Amino acid sequence: MKLHLTTADNNNLITGYSESYIEVNKRRHAGSLIVMPQELILDWGVLSFSDLSEQHLSKIAEFNSEVVLLGTGEKHQFLHPKIYQSLAVKGIPIECMTTAAACRTYNILMSEGRNVLAALIL
């Protein structure tokens, strides 16, 4: 699926998504990743939703984003509160949704100038 937005103002923009890749700024990546307006992390180390641990979310909490979007893959899944405790302590909300929905939502929030982080699982 191609995603369209007229401008990204030199920010990271998710330009496409499929079951096998996430495209950021027209460059395809074949693994789970973290995308923020000014930073892209390709070595998040999460292969599937079941791999997620407190340590993965603690790494995300260090970025102090306004909101975290967790793309859980093709299926909408929810985290146990213990796993995202590091975000809750800092008052950072986390929204779980399919990866396709997280890609679309990231682009909208990023284009509004929000400090958003999308953690996307393929």
PDB file of N, CA and C in Angstrom:
ATOM      1  N   MET A   1       0.836  -1.151   0.000  1.00  0.00           N
ATOM      2  CA  MET A   1       0.000   0.000   0.000  1.00  0.00           C
ATOM      3  C   MET A   1       0.894   1.231   0.000  1.00  0.00           C
ATOM      4  N   LYS A   2       0.657   2.131  -0.910  1.00  0.00           N
ATOM      5  CA  LYS A   2       1.374   3.400  -0.950  1.00  0.00           C
ATOM      6  C   LYS A   2       0.633   4.393  -0.080  1.00  0.00           C
ATOM      7  N   LEU A   3       1.368   5.192   0.649  1.00  0.00           N
ATOM      8  CA  LEU A   3       0.788   6.241   1.473  1.00  0.00           C
ATOM      9  C   LEU A   3       1.191   7.578   0.870  1.00  0.00           C
ATOM     10  N   HIS A   4       0.278   8.536   0.889  1.00  0.00           N
ATOM     11  CA  HIS A   4       0.567   9.815   0.254  1.00  0.00           C
ATOM     12  C   HIS A   4       0.390  10.972   1.227  1.00  0.00           C
ATOM     13  N   LEU A   5       1.317  11.890   1.182  1.00  0.00           N
ATOM     14  CA  LEU A   5       1.261  13.126   1.934  1.00  0.00           C
ATOM     15  C   LEU A   5       2.022  14.134   1.092  1.00  0.00           C
ATOM     16  N   THR A   6       1.533  15.337   1.001  1.00  0.00           N
ATOM     17  CA  THR A   6       2.146  16.288   0.088  1.00  0.00           C
ATOM     18  C   THR A   6       3.505  16.782   0.551  1.00  0.00           C
ATOM     19  N   THR A   7       3.711  16.929   1.860  1.00  0.00           N
ATOM     20  CA  THR A   7       4.984  17.444   2.330  1.00  0.00           C
ATOM     21  C   THR A   7       5.369  16.814   3.661  1.00  0.00           C
ATOM     22  N   ALA A   8       6.641  16.635   3.864  1.00  0.00           N
ATOM     23  CA  ALA A   8       7.132  16.102   5.130  1.00  0.00           C
ATOM     24  C   ALA A   8       8.079  17.084   5.804  1.00  0.00           C
ATOM     25  N   ASP A   9       8.359  18.213   5.155  1.00  0.00           N
ATOM     26  CA  ASP A   9       9.252  19.233   5.723  1.00  0.00           C
ATOM     27  C   ASP A   9      10.544  18.630   6.279  1.00  0.00           C
ATOM     28  N   ASN A  10      11.191  17.793   5.474  1.00  0.00           N
ATOM     29  CA  ASN A  10      12.457  17.147   5.825  1.00  0.00           C
ATOM     30  C   ASN A  10      12.355  16.207   7.025  1.00  0.00           C
ATOM     31  N   ASN A  11      11.159  15.746   7.340  1.00  0.00           N
ATOM     32  CA  ASN A  11      10.954  14.754   8.394  1.00  0.00           C
ATOM     33  C   ASN A  11      10.820  13.374   7.768  1.00  0.00           C
ATOM     34  N   ASN A  12      10.978  12.351   8.576  1.00  0.00           N
ATOM     35  CA  ASN A  12      10.767  10.989   8.097  1.00  0.00           C
ATOM     36  C   ASN A  12       9.289  10.777   7.814  1.00  0.00           C
ATOM     37  N   LEU A  13       9.007  10.305   6.630  1.00  0.00           N
ATOM     38  CA  LEU A  13       7.650  10.071   6.162  1.00  0.00           C
ATOM     39  C   LEU A  13       7.523   8.608   5.755  1.00  0.00           C
ATOM     40  N   ILE A  14       6.480   7.940   6.210  1.00  0.00           N
ATOM     41  CA  ILE A  14       6.234   6.564   5.790  1.00  0.00           C
ATOM     42  C   ILE A  14       5.530   6.634   4.448  1.00  0.00           C
ATOM     43  N   THR A  15       6.212   6.150   3.407  1.00  0.00           N
ATOM     44  CA  THR A  15       5.699   6.289   2.047  1.00  0.00           C
ATOM     45  C   THR A  15       5.101   5.006   1.491  1.00  0.00           C
ATOM     46  N   GLY A  16       5.215   3.893   2.207  1.00  0.00           N
ATOM     47  CA  GLY A  16       4.616   2.652   1.759  1.00  0.00           C
ATOM     48  C   GLY A  16       4.709   1.585   2.825  1.00  0.00           C
ATOM     49  N   TYR A  17       3.852   0.574   2.673  1.00  0.00           N
ATOM     50  CA  TYR A  17       3.819  -0.509   3.643  1.00  0.00           C
ATOM     51  C   TYR A  17       3.251  -1.757   2.982  1.00  0.00           C
ATOM     52  N   SER A  18       3.805  -2.916   3.311  1.00  0.00           N
ATOM     53  CA  SER A  18       3.230  -4.202   2.919  1.00  0.00           C
ATOM     54  C   SER A  18       3.550  -5.194   4.030  1.00  0.00           C
ATOM     55  N   GLU A  19       3.175  -6.431   3.858  1.00  0.00           N
ATOM     56  CA  GLU A  19       3.476  -7.458   4.856  1.00  0.00           C
ATOM     57  C   GLU A  19       4.967  -7.731   4.957  1.00  0.00           C
ATOM     58  N   SER A  20       5.736  -7.329   3.939  1.00  0.00           N
ATOM     59  CA  SER A  20       7.162  -7.658   3.919  1.00  0.00           C
ATOM     60  C   SER A  20       8.100  -6.457   4.025  1.00  0.00           C
ATOM     61  N   TYR A  21       7.565  -5.241   4.037  1.00  0.00           N
ATOM     62  CA  TYR A  21       8.439  -4.075   4.156  1.00  0.00           C
ATOM     63  C   TYR A  21       7.680  -2.866   4.697  1.00  0.00           C
ATOM     64  N   ILE A  22       8.463  -1.928   5.207  1.00  0.00           N
ATOM     65  CA  ILE A  22       7.984  -0.597   5.565  1.00  0.00           C
ATOM     66  C   ILE A  22       8.873   0.361   4.799  1.00  0.00           C
ATOM     67  N   GLU A  23       8.286   1.276   4.079  1.00  0.00           N
ATOM     68  CA  GLU A  23       9.035   2.224   3.251  1.00  0.00           C
ATOM     69  C   GLU A  23       9.028   3.588   3.936  1.00  0.00           C
ATOM     70  N   VAL A  24      10.222   4.098   4.229  1.00  0.00           N
ATOM     71  CA  VAL A  24      10.380   5.413   4.851  1.00  0.00           C
ATOM     72  C   VAL A  24      11.166   6.276   3.881  1.00  0.00           C
ATOM     73  N   ASN A  25      10.601   7.423   3.534  1.00  0.00           N
ATOM     74  CA  ASN A  25      11.220   8.326   2.570  1.00  0.00           C
ATOM     75  C   ASN A  25      11.615   7.593   1.278  1.00  0.00           C
ATOM     76  N   LYS A  26      10.701   6.738   0.818  1.00  0.00           N
ATOM     77  CA  LYS A  26      10.845   5.971  -0.428  1.00  0.00           C
ATOM     78  C   LYS A  26      11.980   4.949  -0.390  1.00  0.00           C
ATOM     79  N   ARG A  27      12.397   4.570   0.814  1.00  0.00           N
ATOM     80  CA  ARG A  27      13.437   3.547   0.984  1.00  0.00           C
ATOM     81  C   ARG A  27      12.845   2.390   1.780  1.00  0.00           C
ATOM     82  N   ARG A  28      12.884   1.196   1.206  1.00  0.00           N
ATOM     83  CA  ARG A  28      12.248   0.026   1.821  1.00  0.00           C
ATOM     84  C   ARG A  28      13.136  -0.619   2.880  1.00  0.00           C
ATOM     85  N   HIS A  29      12.472  -1.036   3.965  1.00  0.00           N
ATOM     86  CA  HIS A  29      13.144  -1.726   5.070  1.00  0.00           C
ATOM     87  C   HIS A  29      12.363  -3.003   5.353  1.00  0.00           C
ATOM     88  N   ALA A  30      13.062  -4.114   5.457  1.00  0.00           N
ATOM     89  CA  ALA A  30      12.411  -5.423   5.566  1.00  0.00           C
ATOM     90  C   ALA A  30      12.319  -5.944   6.993  1.00  0.00           C
ATOM     91  N   GLY A  31      12.427  -5.078   7.973  1.00  0.00           N
ATOM     92  CA  GLY A  31      12.333  -5.518   9.360  1.00  0.00           C
ATOM     93  C   GLY A  31      11.600  -4.504  10.216  1.00  0.00           C
ATOM     94  N   SER A  32      11.292  -4.914  11.426  1.00  0.00           N
ATOM     95  CA  SER A  32      10.646  -4.012  12.374  1.00  0.00           C
ATOM     96  C   SER A  32      11.569  -2.834  12.659  1.00  0.00           C
ATOM     97  N   LEU A  33      10.976  -1.662  12.887  1.00  0.00           N
ATOM     98  CA  LEU A  33      11.778  -0.458  13.087  1.00  0.00           C
ATOM     99  C   LEU A  33      11.038   0.568  13.935  1.00  0.00           C
ATOM    100  N   ILE A  34      11.773   1.590  14.304  1.00  0.00           N
ATOM    101  CA  ILE A  34      11.219   2.741  15.031  1.00  0.00           C
ATOM    102  C   ILE A  34      11.428   3.952  14.144  1.00  0.00           C
ATOM    103  N   VAL A  35      10.351   4.712  13.945  1.00  0.00           N
ATOM    104  CA  VAL A  35      10.457   5.921  13.131  1.00  0.00           C
ATOM    105  C   VAL A  35       9.915   7.109  13.921  1.00  0.00           C
ATOM    106  N   MET A  36      10.694   8.182  13.886  1.00  0.00           N
ATOM    107  CA  MET A  36      10.322   9.460  14.489  1.00  0.00           C
ATOM    108  C   MET A  36      10.563  10.524  13.430  1.00  0.00           C
ATOM    109  N   PRO A  37      10.016  11.706  13.590  1.00  0.00           N
ATOM    110  CA  PRO A  37      10.206  12.729  12.555  1.00  0.00           C
ATOM    111  C   PRO A  37      11.668  12.958  12.175  1.00  0.00           C
ATOM    112  N   GLN A  38      12.582  12.954  13.129  1.00  0.00           N
ATOM    113  CA  GLN A  38      13.980  13.257  12.833  1.00  0.00           C
ATOM    114  C   GLN A  38      14.930  12.084  13.020  1.00  0.00           C
ATOM    115  N   GLU A  39      14.392  10.898  13.321  1.00  0.00           N
ATOM    116  CA  GLU A  39      15.278   9.761  13.576  1.00  0.00           C
ATOM    117  C   GLU A  39      14.623   8.463  13.110  1.00  0.00           C
ATOM    118  N   LEU A  40      15.455   7.554  12.621  1.00  0.00           N
ATOM    119  CA  LEU A  40      15.010   6.246  12.157  1.00  0.00           C
ATOM    120  C   LEU A  40      15.929   5.194  12.773  1.00  0.00           C
ATOM    121  N   ILE A  41      15.344   4.233  13.494  1.00  0.00           N
ATOM    122  CA  ILE A  41      16.127   3.192  14.152  1.00  0.00           C
ATOM    123  C   ILE A  41      15.769   1.859  13.515  1.00  0.00           C
ATOM    124  N   LEU A  42      16.744   1.267  12.860  1.00  0.00           N
ATOM    125  CA  LEU A  42      16.512   0.032  12.128  1.00  0.00           C
ATOM    126  C   LEU A  42      16.865  -1.218  12.932  1.00  0.00           C
ATOM    127  N   ASP A  43      17.536  -1.046  14.059  1.00  0.00           N
ATOM    128  CA  ASP A  43      17.989  -2.194  14.852  1.00  0.00           C
ATOM    129  C   ASP A  43      17.230  -2.323  16.170  1.00  0.00           C
ATOM    130  N   TRP A  44      15.915  -2.234  16.114  1.00  0.00           N
ATOM    131  CA  TRP A  44      15.085  -2.296  17.322  1.00  0.00           C
ATOM    132  C   TRP A  44      15.152  -3.679  17.960  1.00  0.00           C
ATOM    133  N   GLY A  45      15.316  -4.718  17.159  1.00  0.00           N
ATOM    134  CA  GLY A  45      15.489  -6.066  17.694  1.00  0.00           C
ATOM    135  C   GLY A  45      14.204  -6.814  17.985  1.00  0.00           C
ATOM    136  N   VAL A  46      13.085  -6.364  17.469  1.00  0.00           N
ATOM    137  CA  VAL A  46      11.810  -7.042  17.679  1.00  0.00           C
ATOM    138  C   VAL A  46      11.411  -7.735  16.380  1.00  0.00           C
ATOM    139  N   LEU A  47      11.231  -9.045  16.443  1.00  0.00           N
ATOM    140  CA  LEU A  47      10.849  -9.805  15.254  1.00  0.00           C
ATOM    141  C   LEU A  47       9.346 -10.041  15.166  1.00  0.00           C
ATOM    142  N   SER A  48       8.685 -10.083  16.332  1.00  0.00           N
ATOM    143  CA  SER A  48       7.247 -10.307  16.358  1.00  0.00           C
ATOM    144  C   SER A  48       6.659  -9.694  17.627  1.00  0.00           C
ATOM    145  N   PHE A  49       5.341  -9.587  17.663  1.00  0.00           N
ATOM    146  CA  PHE A  49       4.671  -9.023  18.831  1.00  0.00           C
ATOM    147  C   PHE A  49       5.019  -9.806  20.091  1.00  0.00           C
ATOM    148  N   SER A  50       5.106 -11.120  19.977  1.00  0.00           N
ATOM    149  CA  SER A  50       5.408 -11.948  21.149  1.00  0.00           C
ATOM    150  C   SER A  50       6.818 -11.720  21.681  1.00  0.00           C
ATOM    151  N   ASP A  51       7.704 -11.097  20.885  1.00  0.00           N
ATOM    152  CA  ASP A  51       9.068 -10.785  21.318  1.00  0.00           C
ATOM    153  C   ASP A  51       9.136  -9.568  22.240  1.00  0.00           C
ATOM    154  N   LEU A  52       8.105  -8.729  22.224  1.00  0.00           N
ATOM    155  CA  LEU A  52       8.168  -7.472  22.977  1.00  0.00           C
ATOM    156  C   LEU A  52       8.382  -7.713  24.467  1.00  0.00           C
ATOM    157  N   SER A  53       9.270  -6.927  25.035  1.00  0.00           N
ATOM    158  CA  SER A  53       9.572  -7.037  26.460  1.00  0.00           C
ATOM    159  C   SER A  53       9.630  -5.643  27.072  1.00  0.00           C
ATOM    160  N   GLU A  54       9.749  -5.615  28.379  1.00  0.00           N
ATOM    161  CA  GLU A  54       9.896  -4.345  29.093  1.00  0.00           C
ATOM    162  C   GLU A  54      11.117  -3.574  28.589  1.00  0.00           C
ATOM    163  N   GLN A  55      12.180  -4.276  28.239  1.00  0.00           N
ATOM    164  CA  GLN A  55      13.403  -3.625  27.771  1.00  0.00           C
ATOM    165  C   GLN A  55      13.174  -2.885  26.449  1.00  0.00           C
ATOM    166  N   HIS A  56      12.399  -3.481  25.547  1.00  0.00           N
ATOM    167  CA  HIS A  56      12.114  -2.814  24.278  1.00  0.00           C
ATOM    168  C   HIS A  56      11.358  -1.509  24.501  1.00  0.00           C
ATOM    169  N   LEU A  57      10.392  -1.527  25.403  1.00  0.00           N
ATOM    170  CA  LEU A  57       9.614  -0.320  25.661  1.00  0.00           C
ATOM    171  C   LEU A  57      10.400   0.689  26.496  1.00  0.00           C
ATOM    172  N   SER A  58      11.330   0.216  27.316  1.00  0.00           N
ATOM    173  CA  SER A  58      12.204   1.132  28.066  1.00  0.00           C
ATOM    174  C   SER A  58      13.071   1.932  27.106  1.00  0.00           C
ATOM    175  N   LYS A  59      13.554   1.272  26.049  1.00  0.00           N
ATOM    176  CA  LYS A  59      14.352   1.966  25.030  1.00  0.00           C
ATOM    177  C   LYS A  59      13.517   3.068  24.380  1.00  0.00           C
ATOM    178  N   ILE A  60      12.271   2.758  24.090  1.00  0.00           N
ATOM    179  CA  ILE A  60      11.363   3.740  23.481  1.00  0.00           C
ATOM    180  C   ILE A  60      11.103   4.903  24.435  1.00  0.00           C
ATOM    181  N   ALA A  61      10.962   4.619  25.716  1.00  0.00           N
ATOM    182  CA  ALA A  61      10.676   5.669  26.714  1.00  0.00           C
ATOM    183  C   ALA A  61      11.790   6.704  26.778  1.00  0.00           C
ATOM    184  N   GLU A  62      13.015   6.308  26.465  1.00  0.00           N
ATOM    185  CA  GLU A  62      14.154   7.230  26.512  1.00  0.00           C
ATOM    186  C   GLU A  62      14.012   8.392  25.526  1.00  0.00           C
ATOM    187  N   PHE A  63      13.201   8.233  24.482  1.00  0.00           N
ATOM    188  CA  PHE A  63      13.050   9.288  23.479  1.00  0.00           C
ATOM    189  C   PHE A  63      12.077  10.385  23.898  1.00  0.00           C
ATOM    190  N   ASN A  64      11.343  10.165  25.001  1.00  0.00           N
ATOM    191  CA  ASN A  64      10.417  11.175  25.530  1.00  0.00           C
ATOM    192  C   ASN A  64       9.472  11.739  24.475  1.00  0.00           C
ATOM    193  N   SER A  65       8.886  10.867  23.693  1.00  0.00           N
ATOM    194  CA  SER A  65       7.932  11.290  22.672  1.00  0.00           C
ATOM    195  C   SER A  65       6.619  11.715  23.320  1.00  0.00           C
ATOM    196  N   GLU A  66       5.859  12.479  22.578  1.00  0.00           N
ATOM    197  CA  GLU A  66       4.544  12.920  23.037  1.00  0.00           C
ATOM    198  C   GLU A  66       3.557  11.758  23.057  1.00  0.00           C
ATOM    199  N   VAL A  67       3.684  10.863  22.087  1.00  0.00           N
ATOM    200  CA  VAL A  67       2.825   9.689  21.978  1.00  0.00           C
ATOM    201  C   VAL A  67       3.585   8.596  21.240  1.00  0.00           C
ATOM    202  N   VAL A  68       3.317   7.342  21.612  1.00  0.00           N
ATOM    203  CA  VAL A  68       3.930   6.191  20.958  1.00  0.00           C
ATOM    204  C   VAL A  68       2.827   5.405  20.259  1.00  0.00           C
ATOM    205  N   LEU A  69       3.060   5.109  18.998  1.00  0.00           N
ATOM    206  CA  LEU A  69       2.171   4.255  18.222  1.00  0.00           C
ATOM    207  C   LEU A  69       2.862   2.909  18.065  1.00  0.00           C
ATOM    208  N   LEU A  70       2.223   1.851  18.509  1.00  0.00           N
ATOM    209  CA  LEU A  70       2.799   0.521  18.380  1.00  0.00           C
ATOM    210  C   LEU A  70       2.042  -0.227  17.297  1.00  0.00           C
ATOM    211  N   GLY A  71       2.724  -0.471  16.186  1.00  0.00           N
ATOM    212  CA  GLY A  71       2.162  -1.281  15.112  1.00  0.00           C
ATOM    213  C   GLY A  71       2.409  -2.740  15.429  1.00  0.00           C
ATOM    214  N   THR A  72       1.347  -3.495  15.689  1.00  0.00           N
ATOM    215  CA  THR A  72       1.472  -4.858  16.198  1.00  0.00           C
ATOM    216  C   THR A  72       1.499  -5.924  15.100  1.00  0.00           C
ATOM    217  N   GLY A  73       1.660  -5.523  13.854  1.00  0.00           N
ATOM    218  CA  GLY A  73       1.644  -6.466  12.738  1.00  0.00           C
ATOM    219  C   GLY A  73       0.286  -6.435  12.050  1.00  0.00           C
ATOM    220  N   GLU A  74      -0.104  -7.524  11.444  1.00  0.00           N
ATOM    221  CA  GLU A  74      -1.377  -7.585  10.723  1.00  0.00           C
ATOM    222  C   GLU A  74      -2.571  -7.649  11.666  1.00  0.00           C
ATOM    223  N   LYS A  75      -2.347  -8.156  12.868  1.00  0.00           N
ATOM    224  CA  LYS A  75      -3.418  -8.354  13.838  1.00  0.00           C
ATOM    225  C   LYS A  75      -3.320  -7.310  14.949  1.00  0.00           C
ATOM    226  N   HIS A  76      -4.457  -6.712  15.310  1.00  0.00           N
ATOM    227  CA  HIS A  76      -4.504  -5.738  16.404  1.00  0.00           C
ATOM    228  C   HIS A  76      -4.381  -6.495  17.723  1.00  0.00           C
ATOM    229  N   GLN A  77      -3.338  -6.157  18.504  1.00  0.00           N
ATOM    230  CA  GLN A  77      -3.088  -6.826  19.779  1.00  0.00           C
ATOM    231  C   GLN A  77      -2.806  -5.785  20.847  1.00  0.00           C
ATOM    232  N   PHE A  78      -2.958  -6.171  22.103  1.00  0.00           N
ATOM    233  CA  PHE A  78      -2.730  -5.259  23.220  1.00  0.00           C
ATOM    234  C   PHE A  78      -1.613  -5.780  24.108  1.00  0.00           C
ATOM    235  N   LEU A  79      -0.884  -4.845  24.701  1.00  0.00           N
ATOM    236  CA  LEU A  79       0.212  -5.176  25.610  1.00  0.00           C
ATOM    237  C   LEU A  79      -0.289  -5.325  27.039  1.00  0.00           C
ATOM    238  N   HIS A  80       0.393  -6.149  27.806  1.00  0.00           N
ATOM    239  CA  HIS A  80       0.149  -6.216  29.240  1.00  0.00           C
ATOM    240  C   HIS A  80       0.718  -4.932  29.841  1.00  0.00           C
ATOM    241  N   PRO A  81       0.008  -4.289  30.783  1.00  0.00           N
ATOM    242  CA  PRO A  81       0.494  -3.030  31.372  1.00  0.00           C
ATOM    243  C   PRO A  81       1.907  -3.097  31.941  1.00  0.00           C
ATOM    244  N   LYS A  82       2.321  -4.252  32.430  1.00  0.00           N
ATOM    245  CA  LYS A  82       3.676  -4.386  32.989  1.00  0.00           C
ATOM    246  C   LYS A  82       4.735  -4.086  31.927  1.00  0.00           C
ATOM    247  N   ILE A  83       4.467  -4.459  30.675  1.00  0.00           N
ATOM    248  CA  ILE A  83       5.451  -4.275  29.608  1.00  0.00           C
ATOM    249  C   ILE A  83       5.672  -2.797  29.293  1.00  0.00           C
ATOM    250  N   TYR A  84       4.616  -1.975  29.365  1.00  0.00           N
ATOM    251  CA  TYR A  84       4.789  -0.558  29.026  1.00  0.00           C
ATOM    252  C   TYR A  84       4.851   0.363  30.248  1.00  0.00           C
ATOM    253  N   GLN A  85       5.195  -0.201  31.404  1.00  0.00           N
ATOM    254  CA  GLN A  85       5.306   0.575  32.638  1.00  0.00           C
ATOM    255  C   GLN A  85       6.282   1.747  32.506  1.00  0.00           C
ATOM    256  N   SER A  86       7.391   1.556  31.795  1.00  0.00           N
ATOM    257  CA  SER A  86       8.392   2.623  31.654  1.00  0.00           C
ATOM    258  C   SER A  86       7.805   3.840  30.929  1.00  0.00           C
ATOM    259  N   LEU A  87       6.865   3.621  30.034  1.00  0.00           N
ATOM    260  CA  LEU A  87       6.190   4.732  29.352  1.00  0.00           C
ATOM    261  C   LEU A  87       5.170   5.378  30.280  1.00  0.00           C
ATOM    262  N   ALA A  88       4.402   4.563  30.980  1.00  0.00           N
ATOM    263  CA  ALA A  88       3.360   5.076  31.876  1.00  0.00           C
ATOM    264  C   ALA A  88       3.948   5.956  32.976  1.00  0.00           C
ATOM    265  N   VAL A  89       5.078   5.557  33.516  1.00  0.00           N
ATOM    266  CA  VAL A  89       5.736   6.336  34.576  1.00  0.00           C
ATOM    267  C   VAL A  89       6.081   7.742  34.088  1.00  0.00           C
ATOM    268  N   LYS A  90       6.447   7.861  32.814  1.00  0.00           N
ATOM    269  CA  LYS A  90       6.797   9.165  32.238  1.00  0.00           C
ATOM    270  C   LYS A  90       5.579   9.899  31.678  1.00  0.00           C
ATOM    271  N   GLY A  91       4.398   9.289  31.762  1.00  0.00           N
ATOM    272  CA  GLY A  91       3.192   9.926  31.242  1.00  0.00           C
ATOM    273  C   GLY A  91       3.103   9.912  29.725  1.00  0.00           C
ATOM    274  N   ILE A  92       3.776   8.952  29.092  1.00  0.00           N
ATOM    275  CA  ILE A  92       3.766   8.843  27.627  1.00  0.00           C
ATOM    276  C   ILE A  92       2.708   7.815  27.235  1.00  0.00           C
ATOM    277  N   PRO A  93       1.664   8.241  26.538  1.00  0.00           N
ATOM    278  CA  PRO A  93       0.640   7.277  26.125  1.00  0.00           C
ATOM    279  C   PRO A  93       1.142   6.392  24.996  1.00  0.00           C
ATOM    280  N   ILE A  94       0.663   5.139  24.989  1.00  0.00           N
ATOM    281  CA  ILE A  94       0.971   4.206  23.918  1.00  0.00           C
ATOM    282  C   ILE A  94      -0.346   3.717  23.334  1.00  0.00           C
ATOM    283  N   GLU A  95      -0.418   3.752  22.020  1.00  0.00           N
ATOM    284  CA  GLU A  95      -1.602   3.302  21.294  1.00  0.00           C
ATOM    285  C   GLU A  95      -1.224   2.083  20.473  1.00  0.00           C
ATOM    286  N   CYS A  96      -1.880   0.964  20.713  1.00  0.00           N
ATOM    287  CA  CYS A  96      -1.652  -0.264  19.949  1.00  0.00           C
ATOM    288  C   CYS A  96      -2.642  -0.332  18.797  1.00  0.00           C
ATOM    289  N   MET A  97      -2.142  -0.676  17.611  1.00  0.00           N
ATOM    290  CA  MET A  97      -2.981  -0.807  16.417  1.00  0.00           C
ATOM    291  C   MET A  97      -2.234  -1.664  15.408  1.00  0.00           C
ATOM    292  N   THR A  98      -2.903  -2.037  14.328  1.00  0.00           N
ATOM    293  CA  THR A  98      -2.189  -2.783  13.295  1.00  0.00           C
ATOM    294  C   THR A  98      -1.053  -1.912  12.763  1.00  0.00           C
ATOM    295  N   THR A  99      -0.074  -2.536  12.170  1.00  0.00           N
ATOM    296  CA  THR A  99       1.048  -1.769  11.622  1.00  0.00           C
ATOM    297  C   THR A  99       0.589  -0.841  10.505  1.00  0.00           C
ATOM    298  N   ALA A 100      -0.326  -1.282   9.663  1.00  0.00           N
ATOM    299  CA  ALA A 100      -0.841  -0.414   8.593  1.00  0.00           C
ATOM    300  C   ALA A 100      -1.502   0.839   9.183  1.00  0.00           C
ATOM    301  N   ALA A 101      -2.309   0.669  10.215  1.00  0.00           N
ATOM    302  CA  ALA A 101      -2.966   1.815  10.859  1.00  0.00           C
ATOM    303  C   ALA A 101      -1.939   2.720  11.535  1.00  0.00           C
ATOM    304  N   ALA A 102      -0.921   2.130  12.141  1.00  0.00           N
ATOM    305  CA  ALA A 102       0.120   2.926  12.796  1.00  0.00           C
ATOM    306  C   ALA A 102       0.892   3.760  11.782  1.00  0.00           C
ATOM    307  N   CYS A 103       1.149   3.206  10.606  1.00  0.00           N
ATOM    308  CA  CYS A 103       1.845   3.954   9.549  1.00  0.00           C
ATOM    309  C   CYS A 103       1.026   5.177   9.136  1.00  0.00           C
ATOM    310  N   ARG A 104      -0.261   4.972   8.902  1.00  0.00           N
ATOM    311  CA  ARG A 104      -1.127   6.088   8.501  1.00  0.00           C
ATOM    312  C   ARG A 104      -1.230   7.141   9.606  1.00  0.00           C
ATOM    313  N   THR A 105      -1.416   6.668  10.842  1.00  0.00           N
ATOM    314  CA  THR A 105      -1.569   7.591  11.974  1.00  0.00           C
ATOM    315  C   THR A 105      -0.288   8.373  12.221  1.00  0.00           C
ATOM    316  N   TYR A 106       0.860   7.707  12.106  1.00  0.00           N
ATOM    317  CA  TYR A 106       2.147   8.395  12.255  1.00  0.00           C
ATOM    318  C   TYR A 106       2.235   9.568  11.276  1.00  0.00           C
ATOM    319  N   ASN A 107       1.937   9.330  10.005  1.00  0.00           N
ATOM    320  CA  ASN A 107       2.042  10.393   9.003  1.00  0.00           C
ATOM    321  C   ASN A 107       1.154  11.576   9.339  1.00  0.00           C
ATOM    322  N   ILE A 108      -0.043  11.315   9.808  1.00  0.00           N
ATOM    323  CA  ILE A 108      -0.966  12.407  10.164  1.00  0.00           C
ATOM    324  C   ILE A 108      -0.408  13.210  11.333  1.00  0.00           C
ATOM    325  N   LEU A 109      -0.009  12.529  12.406  1.00  0.00           N
ATOM    326  CA  LEU A 109       0.505  13.241  13.588  1.00  0.00           C
ATOM    327  C   LEU A 109       1.805  13.965  13.288  1.00  0.00           C
ATOM    328  N   MET A 110       2.689  13.321  12.514  1.00  0.00           N
ATOM    329  CA  MET A 110       3.955  13.958  12.145  1.00  0.00           C
ATOM    330  C   MET A 110       3.694  15.222  11.336  1.00  0.00           C
ATOM    331  N   SER A 111       2.741  15.147  10.401  1.00  0.00           N
ATOM    332  CA  SER A 111       2.451  16.323   9.561  1.00  0.00           C
ATOM    333  C   SER A 111       1.842  17.466  10.361  1.00  0.00           C
ATOM    334  N   GLU A 112       1.271  17.152  11.518  1.00  0.00           N
ATOM    335  CA  GLU A 112       0.735  18.183  12.418  1.00  0.00           C
ATOM    336  C   GLU A 112       1.816  18.762  13.326  1.00  0.00           C
ATOM    337  N   GLY A 113       3.037  18.272  13.188  1.00  0.00           N
ATOM    338  CA  GLY A 113       4.143  18.783  13.999  1.00  0.00           C
ATOM    339  C   GLY A 113       4.244  18.132  15.365  1.00  0.00           C
ATOM    340  N   ARG A 114       3.584  17.009  15.555  1.00  0.00           N
ATOM    341  CA  ARG A 114       3.605  16.336  16.855  1.00  0.00           C
ATOM    342  C   ARG A 114       4.895  15.537  17.023  1.00  0.00           C
ATOM    343  N   ASN A 115       5.327  15.388  18.255  1.00  0.00           N
ATOM    344  CA  ASN A 115       6.508  14.594  18.607  1.00  0.00           C
ATOM    345  C   ASN A 115       6.075  13.150  18.770  1.00  0.00           C
ATOM    346  N   VAL A 116       5.908  12.450  17.658  1.00  0.00           N
ATOM    347  CA  VAL A 116       5.363  11.102  17.630  1.00  0.00           C
ATOM    348  C   VAL A 116       6.456  10.086  17.350  1.00  0.00           C
ATOM    349  N   LEU A 117       6.309   8.901  17.924  1.00  0.00           N
ATOM    350  CA  LEU A 117       7.223   7.792  17.678  1.00  0.00           C
ATOM    351  C   LEU A 117       6.366   6.607  17.263  1.00  0.00           C
ATOM    352  N   ALA A 118       6.713   5.981  16.156  1.00  0.00           N
ATOM    353  CA  ALA A 118       6.031   4.769  15.708  1.00  0.00           C
ATOM    354  C   ALA A 118       6.994   3.597  15.809  1.00  0.00           C
ATOM    355  N   ALA A 119       6.635   2.620  16.613  1.00  0.00           N
ATOM    356  CA  ALA A 119       7.383   1.369  16.739  1.00  0.00           C
ATOM    357  C   ALA A 119       6.604   0.352  15.928  1.00  0.00           C
ATOM    358  N   LEU A 120       7.174  -0.073  14.813  1.00  0.00           N
ATOM    359  CA  LEU A 120       6.433  -0.848  13.823  1.00  0.00           C
ATOM    360  C   LEU A 120       6.975  -2.264  13.685  1.00  0.00           C
ATOM    361  N   ILE A 121       6.096  -3.241  13.868  1.00  0.00           N
ATOM    362  CA  ILE A 121       6.455  -4.645  13.745  1.00  0.00           C
ATOM    363  C   ILE A 121       5.893  -5.172  12.436  1.00  0.00           C
ATOM    364  N   LEU A 122       6.741  -5.817  11.662  1.00  0.00           N
ATOM    365  CA  LEU A 122       6.265  -6.438  10.416  1.00  0.00           C
ATOM    366  C   LEU A 122       5.675  -7.802  10.704  1.00  0.00           C
TER     367      LEU A 122
END
